[in-house]
C-alpha atoms as a PDB file:
ATOM      1  CA  MET A   1      -1.924  14.205   8.800  1.00  0.00           C
ATOM      2  CA  ILE A   2      -3.849  10.588   9.167  1.00  0.00           C
ATOM      3  CA  SER A   3      -5.151   9.047  12.194  1.00  0.00           C
ATOM      4  CA  LEU A   4      -6.068   6.017  13.739  1.00  0.00           C
ATOM      5  CA  ARG A   5      -7.838   5.773  16.620  1.00  0.00           C
ATOM      6  CA  GLY A   6      -9.500   2.849  18.092  1.00  0.00           C
ATOM      7  CA  ILE A   7      -9.014   0.847  15.389  1.00  0.00           C
ATOM      8  CA  CYS A   8     -10.612  -2.553  15.859  1.00  0.00           C
ATOM      9  CA  HIS A   9     -10.742  -5.198  13.448  1.00  0.00           C
ATOM     10  CA  GLY A  10     -11.570  -8.860  12.447  1.00  0.00           C
ATOM     11  CA  TYR A  11     -12.914 -11.931  10.506  1.00  0.00           C
ATOM     12  CA  ARG A  12     -14.818 -14.772  10.969  1.00  0.00           C
ATOM     13  CA  THR A  13     -13.695 -17.991  10.953  1.00  0.00           C
ATOM     14  CA  GLY A  14     -14.281 -22.116  10.603  1.00  0.00           C
ATOM     15  CA  GLY A  15     -13.468 -21.408  14.563  1.00  0.00           C
ATOM     16  CA  GLY A  16     -14.659 -18.038  15.507  1.00  0.00           C
ATOM     17  CA  TYR A  17     -13.891 -14.511  15.759  1.00  0.00           C
ATOM     18  CA  HIS A  18     -10.855 -14.197  14.999  1.00  0.00           C
ATOM     19  CA  PRO A  19      -9.702 -10.308  15.723  1.00  0.00           C
ATOM     20  CA  VAL A  20      -6.731  -9.193  13.512  1.00  0.00           C
ATOM     21  CA  LEU A  21      -6.808  -5.498  14.697  1.00  0.00           C
ATOM     22  CA  ASP A  22      -6.679  -4.654  18.860  1.00  0.00           C
ATOM     23  CA  ASP A  23      -7.188  -1.095  19.823  1.00  0.00           C
ATOM     24  CA  VAL A  24      -4.618   0.632  17.047  1.00  0.00           C
ATOM     25  CA  ASN A  25      -3.912   4.151  17.495  1.00  0.00           C
ATOM     26  CA  ILE A  26      -1.400   5.603  15.063  1.00  0.00           C
ATOM     27  CA  ASP A  27      -0.479   8.849  13.837  1.00  0.00           C
ATOM     28  CA  PHE A  28       0.796   8.786  10.376  1.00  0.00           C
ATOM     29  CA  LYS A  29       1.832  12.603   9.583  1.00  0.00           C
ATOM     30  CA  ASP A  30       2.560  14.427   6.420  1.00  0.00           C
ATOM     31  CA  GLY A  31       6.527  14.299   5.176  1.00  0.00           C
ATOM     32  CA  HIS A  32       7.393  11.549   7.269  1.00  0.00           C
ATOM     33  CA  SER A  33       7.300   7.917   5.001  1.00  0.00           C
ATOM     34  CA  THR A  34       6.378   5.103   7.728  1.00  0.00           C
ATOM     35  CA  ALA A  35       7.300   1.282   7.249  1.00  0.00           C
ATOM     36  CA  ILE A  36       4.640  -1.419   8.326  1.00  0.00           C
ATOM     37  CA  LEU A  37       6.284  -4.382   9.487  1.00  0.00           C
ATOM     38  CA  GLY A  38       5.276  -7.909  10.571  1.00  0.00           C
ATOM     39  CA  LEU A  39       4.565 -11.552  10.136  1.00  0.00           C
ATOM     40  CA  ASN A  40       2.751 -13.025   7.448  1.00  0.00           C
ATOM     41  CA  GLY A  41      -1.082 -13.214   8.470  1.00  0.00           C
ATOM     42  CA  ALA A  42      -0.546 -10.310  11.045  1.00  0.00           C
ATOM     43  CA  GLY A  43      -2.882  -8.058   9.379  1.00  0.00           C
ATOM     44  CA  LYS A  44      -0.698  -5.432   7.118  1.00  0.00           C
ATOM     45  CA  SER A  45      -3.186  -5.557   4.203  1.00  0.00           C
ATOM     46  CA  THR A  46      -5.781  -5.614   6.161  1.00  0.00           C
ATOM     47  CA  LEU A  47      -4.667  -2.331   8.373  1.00  0.00           C
ATOM     48  CA  ILE A  48      -3.937  -0.484   4.371  1.00  0.00           C
ATOM     49  CA  ARG A  49      -6.817  -1.100   3.126  1.00  0.00           C
ATOM     50  CA  ILE A  50      -8.938   0.240   6.265  1.00  0.00           C
ATOM     51  CA  ILE A  51      -6.174   3.130   6.326  1.00  0.00           C
ATOM     52  CA  GLY A  52      -7.182   3.649   2.544  1.00  0.00           C
ATOM     53  CA  GLY A  53     -11.233   3.550   2.938  1.00  0.00           C
ATOM     54  CA  ALA A  54     -10.735   0.313   0.989  1.00  0.00           C
ATOM     55  CA  GLU A  55     -12.740  -1.602   4.326  1.00  0.00           C
ATOM     56  CA  ARG A  56     -14.212  -0.139   6.991  1.00  0.00           C
ATOM     57  CA  PRO A  57     -12.972  -1.606  10.752  1.00  0.00           C
ATOM     58  CA  ARG A  58     -15.623  -3.060  13.187  1.00  0.00           C
ATOM     59  CA  SER A  59     -14.819   0.022  15.746  1.00  0.00           C
ATOM     60  CA  GLY A  60     -12.657   2.701  15.890  1.00  0.00           C
ATOM     61  CA  GLN A  61     -12.342   6.118  14.021  1.00  0.00           C
ATOM     62  CA  VAL A  62      -9.892   7.138  11.000  1.00  0.00           C
ATOM     63  CA  ILE A  63      -9.364  10.910  10.451  1.00  0.00           C
ATOM     64  CA  ARG A  64      -8.025  11.930   7.039  1.00  0.00           C
ATOM     65  CA  THR A  65      -6.637  15.545   6.434  1.00  0.00           C
ATOM     66  CA  SER A  66      -4.408  14.824   3.852  1.00  0.00           C
ATOM     67  CA  SER A  67      -5.464  12.844   0.264  1.00  0.00           C
ATOM     68  CA  VAL A  68      -4.715   8.932   0.071  1.00  0.00           C
ATOM     69  CA  SER A  69      -4.695   6.873  -2.647  1.00  0.00           C
ATOM     70  CA  TRP A  70      -5.733   3.557  -3.014  1.00  0.00           C
ATOM     71  CA  PRO A  71      -2.693   0.600  -2.272  1.00  0.00           C
ATOM     72  CA  VAL A  72      -0.055   0.890  -5.166  1.00  0.00           C
ATOM     73  CA  GLY A  73      -0.660  -1.485  -7.424  1.00  0.00           C
ATOM     74  CA  PHE A  74      -3.791  -2.807  -6.805  1.00  0.00           C
ATOM     75  CA  GLY A  75      -6.177  -3.372  -9.875  1.00  0.00           C
ATOM     76  CA  GLY A  76      -9.352  -4.461  -7.896  1.00  0.00           C
ATOM     77  CA  CYS A  77     -11.446  -0.972  -8.078  1.00  0.00           C
ATOM     78  CA  PHE A  78     -11.164  -1.491 -12.145  1.00  0.00           C
ATOM     79  CA  ASN A  79     -14.218  -2.500 -14.248  1.00  0.00           C
ATOM     80  CA  GLY A  80     -13.024  -5.583 -15.835  1.00  0.00           C
ATOM     81  CA  SER A  81     -15.518  -4.304 -19.200  1.00  0.00           C
ATOM     82  CA  LEU A  82     -13.925  -1.452 -19.795  1.00  0.00           C
ATOM     83  CA  THR A  83     -10.189  -0.750 -21.457  1.00  0.00           C
ATOM     84  CA  GLY A  84      -7.260   0.006 -19.198  1.00  0.00           C
ATOM     85  CA  ARG A  85      -7.591   3.371 -21.371  1.00  0.00           C
ATOM     86  CA  GLU A  86     -11.345   3.314 -20.031  1.00  0.00           C
ATOM     87  CA  ASN A  87     -10.619   2.690 -16.464  1.00  0.00           C
ATOM     88  CA  LEU A  88      -7.860   5.352 -16.762  1.00  0.00           C
ATOM     89  CA  ARG A  89     -10.177   8.294 -17.982  1.00  0.00           C
ATOM     90  CA  PHE A  90     -12.858   7.435 -15.253  1.00  0.00           C
ATOM     91  CA  VAL A  91     -10.525   7.094 -12.293  1.00  0.00           C
ATOM     92  CA  CYS A  92      -9.151  10.826 -13.673  1.00  0.00           C
ATOM     93  CA  ARG A  93     -12.583  12.203 -14.364  1.00  0.00           C
ATOM     94  CA  ILE A  94     -13.454  11.451 -10.423  1.00  0.00           C
ATOM     95  CA  TYR A  95      -9.994  12.442  -9.086  1.00  0.00           C
ATOM     96  CA  GLY A  96      -9.929  15.743 -11.234  1.00  0.00           C
ATOM     97  CA  ALA A  97      -7.095  14.978 -13.023  1.00  0.00           C
ATOM     98  CA  ASP A  98      -5.843  15.790 -16.368  1.00  0.00           C
ATOM     99  CA  ILE A  99      -6.309  12.584 -18.737  1.00  0.00           C
ATOM    100  CA  ALA A 100      -3.731  13.752 -21.400  1.00  0.00           C
ATOM    101  CA  ARG A 101      -1.529  14.036 -19.335  1.00  0.00           C
ATOM    102  CA  VAL A 102      -1.930  11.118 -16.770  1.00  0.00           C
ATOM    103  CA  SER A 103      -2.595   8.619 -20.144  1.00  0.00           C
ATOM    104  CA  ALA A 104       1.275   9.986 -21.554  1.00  0.00           C
ATOM    105  CA  PHE A 105       2.478   9.272 -18.437  1.00  0.00           C
ATOM    106  CA  VAL A 106       0.701   5.748 -17.517  1.00  0.00           C
ATOM    107  CA  GLU A 107       1.137   4.614 -21.194  1.00  0.00           C
ATOM    108  CA  ASP A 108       5.363   5.332 -20.753  1.00  0.00           C
ATOM    109  CA  PHE A 109       5.001   4.094 -17.009  1.00  0.00           C
ATOM    110  CA  SER A 110       3.785   0.852 -17.602  1.00  0.00           C
ATOM    111  CA  GLU A 111       4.680  -0.392 -20.854  1.00  0.00           C
ATOM    112  CA  LEU A 112       0.968  -1.782 -21.842  1.00  0.00           C
ATOM    113  CA  GLY A 113       1.545  -0.799 -25.431  1.00  0.00           C
ATOM    114  CA  GLU A 114      -2.226  -2.121 -27.499  1.00  0.00           C
ATOM    115  CA  TYR A 115      -2.849  -3.452 -23.856  1.00  0.00           C
ATOM    116  CA  MET A 116      -4.464   0.331 -23.213  1.00  0.00           C
ATOM    117  CA  ASP A 117      -7.153  -0.434 -25.733  1.00  0.00           C
ATOM    118  CA  MET A 118      -7.506  -3.920 -24.126  1.00  0.00           C
ATOM    119  CA  PRO A 119     -10.397  -5.270 -21.574  1.00  0.00           C
ATOM    120  CA  PHE A 120      -9.568  -4.845 -18.087  1.00  0.00           C
ATOM    121  CA  LYS A 121     -10.655  -8.540 -17.928  1.00  0.00           C
ATOM    122  CA  THR A 122      -8.075 -10.191 -20.154  1.00  0.00           C
ATOM    123  CA  TYR A 123      -4.805  -8.554 -18.497  1.00  0.00           C
ATOM    124  CA  SER A 124      -2.769 -10.788 -15.967  1.00  0.00           C
ATOM    125  CA  SER A 125      -2.037 -10.020 -12.315  1.00  0.00           C
ATOM    126  CA  GLY A 126       1.416  -8.195 -13.574  1.00  0.00           C
ATOM    127  CA  MET A 127      -0.506  -6.143 -16.456  1.00  0.00           C
ATOM    128  CA  ARG A 128      -3.426  -4.871 -13.417  1.00  0.00           C
ATOM    129  CA  SER A 129      -0.598  -4.130 -10.972  1.00  0.00           C
ATOM    130  CA  LYS A 130       1.547  -2.135 -13.717  1.00  0.00           C
ATOM    131  CA  LEU A 131      -1.994   0.043 -14.585  1.00  0.00           C
ATOM    132  CA  ALA A 132      -2.399   0.770 -11.065  1.00  0.00           C
ATOM    133  CA  PHE A 133       0.662   1.505 -10.212  1.00  0.00           C
ATOM    134  CA  GLY A 134       1.206   4.006 -12.566  1.00  0.00           C
ATOM    135  CA  LEU A 135      -2.444   5.274 -12.812  1.00  0.00           C
ATOM    136  CA  SER A 136      -1.868   6.478  -9.029  1.00  0.00           C
ATOM    137  CA  LEU A 137       1.623   7.647  -9.510  1.00  0.00           C
ATOM    138  CA  ALA A 138       0.237   9.795 -11.948  1.00  0.00           C
ATOM    139  CA  VAL A 139      -2.987  11.263 -10.445  1.00  0.00           C
ATOM    140  CA  GLY A 140      -1.162  12.626  -7.162  1.00  0.00           C
ATOM    141  CA  PHE A 141      -1.649  11.658  -3.609  1.00  0.00           C
ATOM    142  CA  ASP A 142      -0.342  12.869  -0.511  1.00  0.00           C
ATOM    143  CA  PHE A 143       0.413   9.988   1.155  1.00  0.00           C
ATOM    144  CA  TYR A 144       0.896   6.598  -1.087  1.00  0.00           C
ATOM    145  CA  LEU A 145      -0.223   2.996   0.433  1.00  0.00           C
ATOM    146  CA  VAL A 146       2.522   0.857  -0.763  1.00  0.00           C
ATOM    147  CA  ASP A 147       1.619  -2.452  -0.466  1.00  0.00           C
ATOM    148  CA  GLU A 148       4.267  -5.230  -1.822  1.00  0.00           C
ATOM    149  CA  ALA A 149       4.273  -3.573  -4.974  1.00  0.00           C
ATOM    150  CA  PHE A 150       7.746  -4.525  -5.737  1.00  0.00           C
ATOM    151  CA  SER A 151       6.676  -7.736  -6.572  1.00  0.00           C
ATOM    152  CA  VAL A 152       5.553  -6.653  -9.146  1.00  0.00           C
ATOM    153  CA  GLY A 153       6.262  -7.420 -13.013  1.00  0.00           C
ATOM    154  CA  ASP A 154      10.474  -7.836 -13.864  1.00  0.00           C
ATOM    155  CA  VAL A 155      13.508  -6.731 -12.289  1.00  0.00           C
ATOM    156  CA  VAL A 156      13.794  -3.834 -14.944  1.00  0.00           C
ATOM    157  CA  PHE A 157      10.220  -2.776 -14.099  1.00  0.00           C
ATOM    158  CA  ARG A 158      10.790  -3.140  -9.777  1.00  0.00           C
ATOM    159  CA  LYS A 159      14.115  -0.507 -10.827  1.00  0.00           C
ATOM    160  CA  LYS A 160      11.910   2.159 -12.151  1.00  0.00           C
ATOM    161  CA  ALA A 161       9.035   1.592  -9.693  1.00  0.00           C
ATOM    162  CA  ALA A 162      11.728   2.283  -6.656  1.00  0.00           C
ATOM    163  CA  THR A 163      13.459   5.310  -8.996  1.00  0.00           C
ATOM    164  CA  HIS A 164       9.836   6.797  -8.874  1.00  0.00           C
ATOM    165  CA  LEU A 165       8.559   6.060  -5.923  1.00  0.00           C
ATOM    166  CA  GLN A 166      12.085   8.120  -4.541  1.00  0.00           C
ATOM    167  CA  LYS A 167      11.090  10.759  -6.147  1.00  0.00           C
ATOM    168  CA  LEU A 168       7.170  11.137  -4.932  1.00  0.00           C
ATOM    169  CA  LYS A 169       9.312  11.839  -1.266  1.00  0.00           C
ATOM    170  CA  GLU A 170       9.881  15.424  -2.322  1.00  0.00           C
ATOM    171  CA  GLN A 171       6.427  16.195  -1.874  1.00  0.00           C
ATOM    172  CA  SER A 172       4.438  12.824  -0.648  1.00  0.00           C
ATOM    173  CA  SER A 173       4.082  10.719   2.370  1.00  0.00           C
ATOM    174  CA  LEU A 174       4.337   7.414   1.999  1.00  0.00           C
ATOM    175  CA  ILE A 175       3.181   4.093   4.198  1.00  0.00           C
ATOM    176  CA  PHE A 176       4.554   1.583   3.220  1.00  0.00           C
ATOM    177  CA  VAL A 177       4.113  -2.733   4.010  1.00  0.00           C
ATOM    178  CA  SER A 178       7.307  -4.782   2.763  1.00  0.00           C
ATOM    179  CA  HIS A 179       8.914  -7.699   4.234  1.00  0.00           C
ATOM    180  CA  SER A 180      12.202  -6.604   1.967  1.00  0.00           C
ATOM    181  CA  ILE A 181      14.293  -4.299   4.803  1.00  0.00           C
ATOM    182  CA  ASN A 182      16.303  -2.876   2.157  1.00  0.00           C
ATOM    183  CA  ALA A 183      13.421  -1.169   0.333  1.00  0.00           C
ATOM    184  CA  VAL A 184      12.108   0.064   4.517  1.00  0.00           C
ATOM    185  CA  LYS A 185      15.278   1.769   4.572  1.00  0.00           C
ATOM    186  CA  GLN A 186      15.338   3.019   1.418  1.00  0.00           C
ATOM    187  CA  HIS A 187      11.991   4.714   1.534  1.00  0.00           C
ATOM    188  CA  CYS A 188      11.124   5.273   5.070  1.00  0.00           C
ATOM    189  CA  ASP A 189      12.362   7.555   8.231  1.00  0.00           C
ATOM    190  CA  ARG A 190       9.538   5.635  10.521  1.00  0.00           C
ATOM    191  CA  GLY A 191       8.547   2.589  11.506  1.00  0.00           C
ATOM    192  CA  ALA A 192       5.859   0.600  13.007  1.00  0.00           C
ATOM    193  CA  VAL A 193       5.648  -3.319  13.430  1.00  0.00           C
ATOM    194  CA  LEU A 194       1.998  -4.882  14.036  1.00  0.00           C
ATOM    195  CA  ASN A 195       2.075  -8.042  15.885  1.00  0.00           C
ATOM    196  CA  ASN A 196      -0.814 -10.189  17.889  1.00  0.00           C
ATOM    197  CA  GLY A 197      -3.433  -7.387  16.897  1.00  0.00           C
ATOM    198  CA  ARG A 198      -1.178  -4.365  18.332  1.00  0.00           C
ATOM    199  CA  LEU A 199       0.524  -1.922  16.904  1.00  0.00           C
ATOM    200  CA  MET A 200       3.701  -0.480  18.165  1.00  0.00           C
ATOM    201  CA  SER A 201       5.272   3.105  16.555  1.00  0.00           C
ATOM    202  CA  PHE A 202       8.151   4.346  16.331  1.00  0.00           C
ATOM    203  CA  ASP A 203       9.987   7.464  15.351  1.00  0.00           C
ATOM    204  CA  ASN A 204      13.338   5.621  14.777  1.00  0.00           C
ATOM    205  CA  LEU A 205      13.093   3.467  11.736  1.00  0.00           C
ATOM    206  CA  ASP A 206      15.903   1.335  12.922  1.00  0.00           C
ATOM    207  CA  ASP A 207      14.284   0.711  16.412  1.00  0.00           C
ATOM    208  CA  ALA A 208      11.387  -0.704  14.365  1.00  0.00           C
ATOM    209  CA  ILE A 209      13.287  -3.068  12.062  1.00  0.00           C
ATOM    210  CA  ARG A 210      15.059  -4.460  15.934  1.00  0.00           C
ATOM    211  CA  GLU A 211      11.149  -5.473  17.433  1.00  0.00           C
ATOM    212  CA  TYR A 212      10.146  -6.637  14.138  1.00  0.00           C
ATOM    213  CA  THR A 213      14.183  -9.222  14.093  1.00  0.00           C
ATOM    214  CA  ARG A 214      13.084  -9.743  17.161  1.00  0.00           C
ATOM    215  CA  ILE A 215       9.621 -11.124  16.435  1.00  0.00           C
ATOM    216  CA  CYS A 216      10.858 -13.316  13.410  1.00  0.00           C
ATOM    217  CA  ASN A 217      13.709 -14.805  15.472  1.00  0.00           C
ATOM    218  CA  ASP A 218      10.893 -15.574  18.180  1.00  0.00           C
ATOM    219  CA  ARG A 219       8.738 -17.052  15.622  1.00  0.00           C
ATOM    220  CA  SER A 220      11.684 -19.489  13.866  1.00  0.00           C
ATOM    221  CA  SER A 221      12.892 -20.491  17.801  1.00  0.00           C
ATOM    222  CA  LYS A 222       9.194 -22.145  18.492  1.00  0.00           C
ATOM    223  CA  ALA A 223       8.817 -22.999  15.046  1.00  0.00           C
ATOM    224  CA  ALA A 224      12.379 -24.941  15.779  1.00  0.00           C
ATOM    225  CA  ALA A 225      11.455 -26.289  19.203  1.00  0.00           C
END
């Protein structure tokens, strides 16, 4: 399980301090996949980074009793001077994963070919995400953080990624950030809506989608006024 207690976070801007998370409390339970919905700029990616430990909140506590992936598709954790294969081996050593098994999976999944042996800094953004996506799937975690992963690659690759995520749910849980309601319905059974720094949690995914739709409609109405 992953528990967030009293999480507050924000950033300094030209106009002063801008809060994005205000006393966020939620439990992500094993065996349930949760969609995090919210408008652009609501703080969803910040929340994902805090859950995974890539960013620390200004206050509050994150309690993890389960293993958590880095954000799926995020390649910012890799060394640019090392090749894709060298980065893969380094990550495997950190997590105690079998290098041969992980290498075979990632080579097939990412379809990077000879680029596996080229420096990571020469990769396009799509190639970086493919390596990170494949590696996170191969290492194995209790919870997978998925932040708009389906924007990676072409239609064929996105379909492959969706198929693997569906299989993952048999033994792992997803914390899933996406603007695609269809993707959310396919992969999640619970939902949470982030709006004005507050996170509302729903045991029923349809209730979360209705609240998110209401917020979107309100924003559209105000913009048209």
